[in-house]
């Protein structure tokens, strides 16, 4: 579905920012030269103080990275809006993903971001450097920290919402819900994204 294809663009920006120095051109971070008696350990980091919560109970995602469509059982897919036709893509350059169809023309995607973006903390850092279209932390997604976010355009009033969850400090699981107006979930896509993310995290926890 066209509505949430911008996720790929945003992921690319996170990967790029994760690999950049915080003193790169266009992002000035001056640090004064210390005098003879200056304690340099007291100089704060140039990047600011906002950081993601630590993932207290990291999940083993190995089997789901190999088979991302197994993140939802058939019963869960039915409960989440009669989702069908799961299509895996384990060769995606940004990380394995699976996409389901929704009866009213929408779709829902679960994806892992594995391409070196630094997990949830990398997302927070990206937002510090260049604010995202929306960025709303969620303290508890089935026991794990998350953030509603999109790097390009805020489409929440047009049936699309993205929720990224830190399942390990270095691994993001993202649920992207996109609905057309006939769908009863069109008016609240973030609730649908959170529902599916919680199901997926529950599946991962149950396999431990």
C-alpha atoms as a PDB file:
ATOM      1  CA  UNK A   1       0.000   0.000   0.000  1.00  0.00           C
ATOM      2  CA  UNK A   2       1.408   3.405  -0.953  1.00  0.00           C
ATOM      3  CA  UNK A   3       0.565   5.131   2.302  1.00  0.00           C
ATOM      4  CA  UNK A   4       3.371   3.737   4.453  1.00  0.00           C
ATOM      5  CA  UNK A   5       6.135   3.160   1.917  1.00  0.00           C
ATOM      6  CA  UNK A   6       7.914   6.171   3.419  1.00  0.00           C
ATOM      7  CA  UNK A   7       9.042   3.839   6.218  1.00  0.00           C
ATOM      8  CA  UNK A   8      11.880   2.683   3.980  1.00  0.00           C
ATOM      9  CA  UNK A   9      13.025   6.280   3.528  1.00  0.00           C
ATOM     10  CA  UNK A  10      12.932   6.866   7.282  1.00  0.00           C
ATOM     11  CA  UNK A  11      14.830   3.681   8.058  1.00  0.00           C
ATOM     12  CA  UNK A  12      17.522   4.779   5.659  1.00  0.00           C
ATOM     13  CA  UNK A  13      17.856   8.066   7.520  1.00  0.00           C
ATOM     14  CA  UNK A  14      18.215   6.258  10.848  1.00  0.00           C
ATOM     15  CA  UNK A  15      20.963   4.038   9.431  1.00  0.00           C
ATOM     16  CA  UNK A  16      22.755   7.039   7.993  1.00  0.00           C
ATOM     17  CA  UNK A  17      22.567   9.006  11.222  1.00  0.00           C
ATOM     18  CA  UNK A  18      23.722   6.051  13.271  1.00  0.00           C
ATOM     19  CA  UNK A  19      26.920   5.954  11.262  1.00  0.00           C
ATOM     20  CA  UNK A  20      27.587   9.697  11.370  1.00  0.00           C
ATOM     21  CA  UNK A  21      29.768  11.628  13.759  1.00  0.00           C
ATOM     22  CA  UNK A  22      27.847  14.075  15.894  1.00  0.00           C
ATOM     23  CA  UNK A  23      30.259  16.787  14.758  1.00  0.00           C
ATOM     24  CA  UNK A  24      29.446  16.398  11.058  1.00  0.00           C
ATOM     25  CA  UNK A  25      28.944  19.433   8.851  1.00  0.00           C
ATOM     26  CA  UNK A  26      25.613  21.129   9.414  1.00  0.00           C
ATOM     27  CA  UNK A  27      25.333  19.884  13.004  1.00  0.00           C
ATOM     28  CA  UNK A  28      27.650  22.163  14.977  1.00  0.00           C
ATOM     29  CA  UNK A  29      28.667  20.948  18.399  1.00  0.00           C
ATOM     30  CA  UNK A  30      31.388  23.303  19.658  1.00  0.00           C
ATOM     31  CA  UNK A  31      33.369  22.208  22.684  1.00  0.00           C
ATOM     32  CA  UNK A  32      35.688  24.818  24.224  1.00  0.00           C
ATOM     33  CA  UNK A  33      39.384  24.041  24.458  1.00  0.00           C
ATOM     34  CA  UNK A  34      40.163  23.203  28.080  1.00  0.00           C
ATOM     35  CA  UNK A  35      42.421  25.531  30.016  1.00  0.00           C
ATOM     36  CA  UNK A  36      45.207  24.223  32.201  1.00  0.00           C
ATOM     37  CA  UNK A  37      42.925  23.660  35.193  1.00  0.00           C
ATOM     38  CA  UNK A  38      39.711  22.685  33.359  1.00  0.00           C
ATOM     39  CA  UNK A  39      38.193  19.275  34.109  1.00  0.00           C
ATOM     40  CA  UNK A  40      37.320  17.941  30.638  1.00  0.00           C
ATOM     41  CA  UNK A  41      35.278  15.096  32.110  1.00  0.00           C
ATOM     42  CA  UNK A  42      32.654  17.683  33.061  1.00  0.00           C
ATOM     43  CA  UNK A  43      32.021  18.650  29.413  1.00  0.00           C
ATOM     44  CA  UNK A  44      28.551  17.278  28.509  1.00  0.00           C
ATOM     45  CA  UNK A  45      28.026  15.253  25.331  1.00  0.00           C
ATOM     46  CA  UNK A  46      27.228  17.444  22.344  1.00  0.00           C
ATOM     47  CA  UNK A  47      24.230  15.371  21.291  1.00  0.00           C
ATOM     48  CA  UNK A  48      21.865  16.315  24.115  1.00  0.00           C
ATOM     49  CA  UNK A  49      20.366  14.186  26.871  1.00  0.00           C
ATOM     50  CA  UNK A  50      17.358  12.385  25.375  1.00  0.00           C
ATOM     51  CA  UNK A  51      17.986   8.651  25.318  1.00  0.00           C
ATOM     52  CA  UNK A  52      15.789   5.613  24.901  1.00  0.00           C
ATOM     53  CA  UNK A  53      14.836   3.402  27.841  1.00  0.00           C
ATOM     54  CA  UNK A  54      17.038   0.354  28.321  1.00  0.00           C
ATOM     55  CA  UNK A  55      15.462  -2.963  27.278  1.00  0.00           C
ATOM     56  CA  UNK A  56      15.494  -4.835  30.575  1.00  0.00           C
ATOM     57  CA  UNK A  57      14.558  -8.265  29.201  1.00  0.00           C
ATOM     58  CA  UNK A  58      15.950  -8.605  25.670  1.00  0.00           C
ATOM     59  CA  UNK A  59      14.233 -11.142  23.433  1.00  0.00           C
ATOM     60  CA  UNK A  60      15.831 -13.794  21.264  1.00  0.00           C
ATOM     61  CA  UNK A  61      14.637 -12.936  17.766  1.00  0.00           C
ATOM     62  CA  UNK A  62      16.654 -15.560  15.869  1.00  0.00           C
ATOM     63  CA  UNK A  63      13.771 -17.724  14.634  1.00  0.00           C
ATOM     64  CA  UNK A  64      11.651 -14.680  13.738  1.00  0.00           C
ATOM     65  CA  UNK A  65      14.437 -13.049  11.759  1.00  0.00           C
ATOM     66  CA  UNK A  66      14.457 -16.234   9.685  1.00  0.00           C
ATOM     67  CA  UNK A  67      10.637 -16.451   9.469  1.00  0.00           C
ATOM     68  CA  UNK A  68       9.108 -13.002  10.158  1.00  0.00           C
ATOM     69  CA  UNK A  69       5.571 -14.088   9.265  1.00  0.00           C
ATOM     70  CA  UNK A  70       5.625 -16.378  12.307  1.00  0.00           C
ATOM     71  CA  UNK A  71       5.372 -13.248  14.490  1.00  0.00           C
ATOM     72  CA  UNK A  72       1.589 -13.577  14.184  1.00  0.00           C
ATOM     73  CA  UNK A  73      -0.314 -16.821  14.530  1.00  0.00           C
ATOM     74  CA  UNK A  74      -3.338 -17.409  12.294  1.00  0.00           C
ATOM     75  CA  UNK A  75      -5.641 -16.689  15.242  1.00  0.00           C
ATOM     76  CA  UNK A  76      -3.824 -13.427  16.005  1.00  0.00           C
ATOM     77  CA  UNK A  77      -3.980 -12.339  12.363  1.00  0.00           C
ATOM     78  CA  UNK A  78      -7.725 -12.996  12.368  1.00  0.00           C
ATOM     79  CA  UNK A  79      -8.195 -11.086  15.634  1.00  0.00           C
ATOM     80  CA  UNK A  80      -6.194  -8.126  14.289  1.00  0.00           C
ATOM     81  CA  UNK A  81      -8.714  -7.504  11.509  1.00  0.00           C
ATOM     82  CA  UNK A  82      -8.893 -10.643   9.381  1.00  0.00           C
ATOM     83  CA  UNK A  83      -5.354 -10.180   8.080  1.00  0.00           C
ATOM     84  CA  UNK A  84      -4.435 -12.646   5.346  1.00  0.00           C
ATOM     85  CA  UNK A  85      -1.942 -13.485   2.607  1.00  0.00           C
ATOM     86  CA  UNK A  86       1.265 -13.100   4.662  1.00  0.00           C
ATOM     87  CA  UNK A  87       4.223 -12.276   2.428  1.00  0.00           C
ATOM     88  CA  UNK A  88       7.712 -12.574   3.940  1.00  0.00           C
ATOM     89  CA  UNK A  89      10.800 -10.725   2.740  1.00  0.00           C
ATOM     90  CA  UNK A  90      13.856 -12.017   4.570  1.00  0.00           C
ATOM     91  CA  UNK A  91      16.270 -10.531   2.026  1.00  0.00           C
ATOM     92  CA  UNK A  92      15.232  -6.920   2.645  1.00  0.00           C
ATOM     93  CA  UNK A  93      18.389  -4.817   3.041  1.00  0.00           C
ATOM     94  CA  UNK A  94      17.036  -3.084   6.151  1.00  0.00           C
ATOM     95  CA  UNK A  95      15.888  -6.267   7.865  1.00  0.00           C
ATOM     96  CA  UNK A  96      13.384  -9.138   7.560  1.00  0.00           C
ATOM     97  CA  UNK A  97       9.713  -8.235   7.279  1.00  0.00           C
ATOM     98  CA  UNK A  98       6.270  -9.674   6.669  1.00  0.00           C
ATOM     99  CA  UNK A  99       3.234  -7.965   5.184  1.00  0.00           C
ATOM    100  CA  UNK A 100      -0.420  -8.996   5.533  1.00  0.00           C
ATOM    101  CA  UNK A 101      -3.457  -7.869   3.547  1.00  0.00           C
ATOM    102  CA  UNK A 102      -6.516  -6.336   5.201  1.00  0.00           C
ATOM    103  CA  UNK A 103     -10.027  -7.014   3.778  1.00  0.00           C
ATOM    104  CA  UNK A 104     -10.786  -3.365   2.943  1.00  0.00           C
ATOM    105  CA  UNK A 105      -7.697  -2.766   0.824  1.00  0.00           C
ATOM    106  CA  UNK A 106      -5.214  -1.906   3.545  1.00  0.00           C
ATOM    107  CA  UNK A 107      -2.212  -3.788   4.812  1.00  0.00           C
ATOM    108  CA  UNK A 108      -0.083  -4.301   7.884  1.00  0.00           C
ATOM    109  CA  UNK A 109       3.643  -4.861   8.075  1.00  0.00           C
ATOM    110  CA  UNK A 110       5.919  -6.181  10.820  1.00  0.00           C
ATOM    111  CA  UNK A 111       9.613  -5.614  10.248  1.00  0.00           C
ATOM    112  CA  UNK A 112      12.932  -5.850  12.051  1.00  0.00           C
ATOM    113  CA  UNK A 113      15.516  -3.111  11.628  1.00  0.00           C
ATOM    114  CA  UNK A 114      18.868  -4.889  11.722  1.00  0.00           C
ATOM    115  CA  UNK A 115      21.001  -2.717   9.450  1.00  0.00           C
ATOM    116  CA  UNK A 116      23.136  -1.057  12.119  1.00  0.00           C
ATOM    117  CA  UNK A 117      20.806   1.726  13.266  1.00  0.00           C
ATOM    118  CA  UNK A 118      21.401   1.219  16.992  1.00  0.00           C
ATOM    119  CA  UNK A 119      17.990  -0.011  18.097  1.00  0.00           C
ATOM    120  CA  UNK A 120      15.572   2.289  19.916  1.00  0.00           C
ATOM    121  CA  UNK A 121      18.418   4.531  21.049  1.00  0.00           C
ATOM    122  CA  UNK A 122      19.355   5.070  17.406  1.00  0.00           C
ATOM    123  CA  UNK A 123      15.788   6.226  16.767  1.00  0.00           C
ATOM    124  CA  UNK A 124      15.984   8.698  19.674  1.00  0.00           C
ATOM    125  CA  UNK A 125      19.320  10.006  18.384  1.00  0.00           C
ATOM    126  CA  UNK A 126      17.902  10.462  14.888  1.00  0.00           C
ATOM    127  CA  UNK A 127      14.998  12.469  16.293  1.00  0.00           C
ATOM    128  CA  UNK A 128      17.469  14.655  18.215  1.00  0.00           C
ATOM    129  CA  UNK A 129      19.455  15.437  15.086  1.00  0.00           C
ATOM    130  CA  UNK A 130      16.465  15.940  12.782  1.00  0.00           C
ATOM    131  CA  UNK A 131      12.966  15.883  14.315  1.00  0.00           C
ATOM    132  CA  UNK A 132      10.655  13.278  12.817  1.00  0.00           C
ATOM    133  CA  UNK A 133       7.156  14.016  11.538  1.00  0.00           C
ATOM    134  CA  UNK A 134       5.889  12.623  14.838  1.00  0.00           C
ATOM    135  CA  UNK A 135       7.657  10.992  17.765  1.00  0.00           C
ATOM    136  CA  UNK A 136       5.559   9.805  20.715  1.00  0.00           C
ATOM    137  CA  UNK A 137       7.163   7.408  23.234  1.00  0.00           C
ATOM    138  CA  UNK A 138       5.067   4.527  24.553  1.00  0.00           C
ATOM    139  CA  UNK A 139       6.444   3.202  27.853  1.00  0.00           C
ATOM    140  CA  UNK A 140       4.844  -0.229  27.707  1.00  0.00           C
ATOM    141  CA  UNK A 141       4.194  -2.349  24.622  1.00  0.00           C
ATOM    142  CA  UNK A 142       3.665  -5.782  26.182  1.00  0.00           C
ATOM    143  CA  UNK A 143       6.471  -4.912  28.621  1.00  0.00           C
ATOM    144  CA  UNK A 144       8.835  -3.265  26.112  1.00  0.00           C
ATOM    145  CA  UNK A 145       9.512   0.415  25.310  1.00  0.00           C
ATOM    146  CA  UNK A 146       8.297   1.829  22.018  1.00  0.00           C
ATOM    147  CA  UNK A 147       7.763   5.001  19.989  1.00  0.00           C
ATOM    148  CA  UNK A 148       5.030   6.006  17.561  1.00  0.00           C
ATOM    149  CA  UNK A 149       6.976   7.693  14.764  1.00  0.00           C
ATOM    150  CA  UNK A 150       7.357   8.525  11.101  1.00  0.00           C
ATOM    151  CA  UNK A 151      10.295  10.237   9.489  1.00  0.00           C
ATOM    152  CA  UNK A 152       8.552  11.765   6.485  1.00  0.00           C
ATOM    153  CA  UNK A 153       4.881  12.735   6.844  1.00  0.00           C
ATOM    154  CA  UNK A 154       2.299  12.435   9.612  1.00  0.00           C
ATOM    155  CA  UNK A 155      -0.424  10.265   8.050  1.00  0.00           C
ATOM    156  CA  UNK A 156      -2.230   9.253  11.213  1.00  0.00           C
ATOM    157  CA  UNK A 157      -5.394  11.107  10.141  1.00  0.00           C
ATOM    158  CA  UNK A 158      -5.217   9.293   6.811  1.00  0.00           C
ATOM    159  CA  UNK A 159      -5.221   5.753   8.130  1.00  0.00           C
ATOM    160  CA  UNK A 160      -1.502   5.063   8.607  1.00  0.00           C
ATOM    161  CA  UNK A 161       0.617   4.750  11.746  1.00  0.00           C
ATOM    162  CA  UNK A 162       4.000   3.291  12.686  1.00  0.00           C
ATOM    163  CA  UNK A 163       5.120   1.946  16.072  1.00  0.00           C
ATOM    164  CA  UNK A 164       8.718   0.869  16.742  1.00  0.00           C
ATOM    165  CA  UNK A 165       9.470  -1.337  19.757  1.00  0.00           C
ATOM    166  CA  UNK A 166      12.851  -2.055  21.314  1.00  0.00           C
ATOM    167  CA  UNK A 167      12.975  -5.836  21.729  1.00  0.00           C
ATOM    168  CA  UNK A 168      16.728  -5.626  22.355  1.00  0.00           C
ATOM    169  CA  UNK A 169      18.918  -2.577  22.836  1.00  0.00           C
ATOM    170  CA  UNK A 170      20.253  -3.157  19.312  1.00  0.00           C
ATOM    171  CA  UNK A 171      17.068  -4.365  17.578  1.00  0.00           C
ATOM    172  CA  UNK A 172      13.798  -2.692  16.596  1.00  0.00           C
ATOM    173  CA  UNK A 173      10.523  -4.392  15.767  1.00  0.00           C
ATOM    174  CA  UNK A 174       8.210  -2.046  13.854  1.00  0.00           C
ATOM    175  CA  UNK A 175       4.498  -2.403  13.146  1.00  0.00           C
ATOM    176  CA  UNK A 176       3.159  -0.251  10.294  1.00  0.00           C
ATOM    177  CA  UNK A 177      -0.616  -0.164   9.870  1.00  0.00           C
ATOM    178  CA  UNK A 178      -2.137   1.324   6.716  1.00  0.00           C
ATOM    179  CA  UNK A 179      -5.896   1.371   6.100  1.00  0.00           C
ATOM    180  CA  UNK A 180      -8.211   2.704   3.401  1.00  0.00           C
ATOM    181  CA  UNK A 181     -11.297   4.681   4.413  1.00  0.00           C
ATOM    182  CA  UNK A 182     -13.750   1.730   4.184  1.00  0.00           C
ATOM    183  CA  UNK A 183     -11.892   0.040   7.047  1.00  0.00           C
ATOM    184  CA  UNK A 184     -13.268   0.518  10.577  1.00  0.00           C
ATOM    185  CA  UNK A 185      -9.627   0.895  11.694  1.00  0.00           C
ATOM    186  CA  UNK A 186      -8.971   3.851   9.379  1.00  0.00           C
ATOM    187  CA  UNK A 187      -9.787   6.421  12.078  1.00  0.00           C
ATOM    188  CA  UNK A 188      -7.392   4.959  14.655  1.00  0.00           C
ATOM    189  CA  UNK A 189      -4.457   3.236  12.930  1.00  0.00           C
ATOM    190  CA  UNK A 190      -2.130   3.723  15.905  1.00  0.00           C
ATOM    191  CA  UNK A 191      -4.353   1.572  18.086  1.00  0.00           C
ATOM    192  CA  UNK A 192      -4.174  -1.147  15.425  1.00  0.00           C
ATOM    193  CA  UNK A 193      -0.386  -0.838  15.140  1.00  0.00           C
ATOM    194  CA  UNK A 194      -0.014  -1.171  18.911  1.00  0.00           C
ATOM    195  CA  UNK A 195      -2.381  -4.150  19.046  1.00  0.00           C
ATOM    196  CA  UNK A 196      -0.353  -6.023  16.434  1.00  0.00           C
ATOM    197  CA  UNK A 197       2.989  -5.024  17.981  1.00  0.00           C
ATOM    198  CA  UNK A 198       1.814  -6.358  21.347  1.00  0.00           C
ATOM    199  CA  UNK A 199       0.737  -9.612  19.715  1.00  0.00           C
ATOM    200  CA  UNK A 200       4.118  -9.980  18.014  1.00  0.00           C
ATOM    201  CA  UNK A 201       6.044  -9.272  21.219  1.00  0.00           C
ATOM    202  CA  UNK A 202       3.814 -11.778  23.007  1.00  0.00           C
ATOM    203  CA  UNK A 203       4.647 -14.381  20.372  1.00  0.00           C
ATOM    204  CA  UNK A 204       8.361 -13.717  20.818  1.00  0.00           C
ATOM    205  CA  UNK A 205       8.109 -13.943  24.606  1.00  0.00           C
ATOM    206  CA  UNK A 206       6.143 -17.165  24.367  1.00  0.00           C
ATOM    207  CA  UNK A 207       8.875 -18.788  22.313  1.00  0.00           C
ATOM    208  CA  UNK A 208      11.613 -18.057  24.856  1.00  0.00           C
END
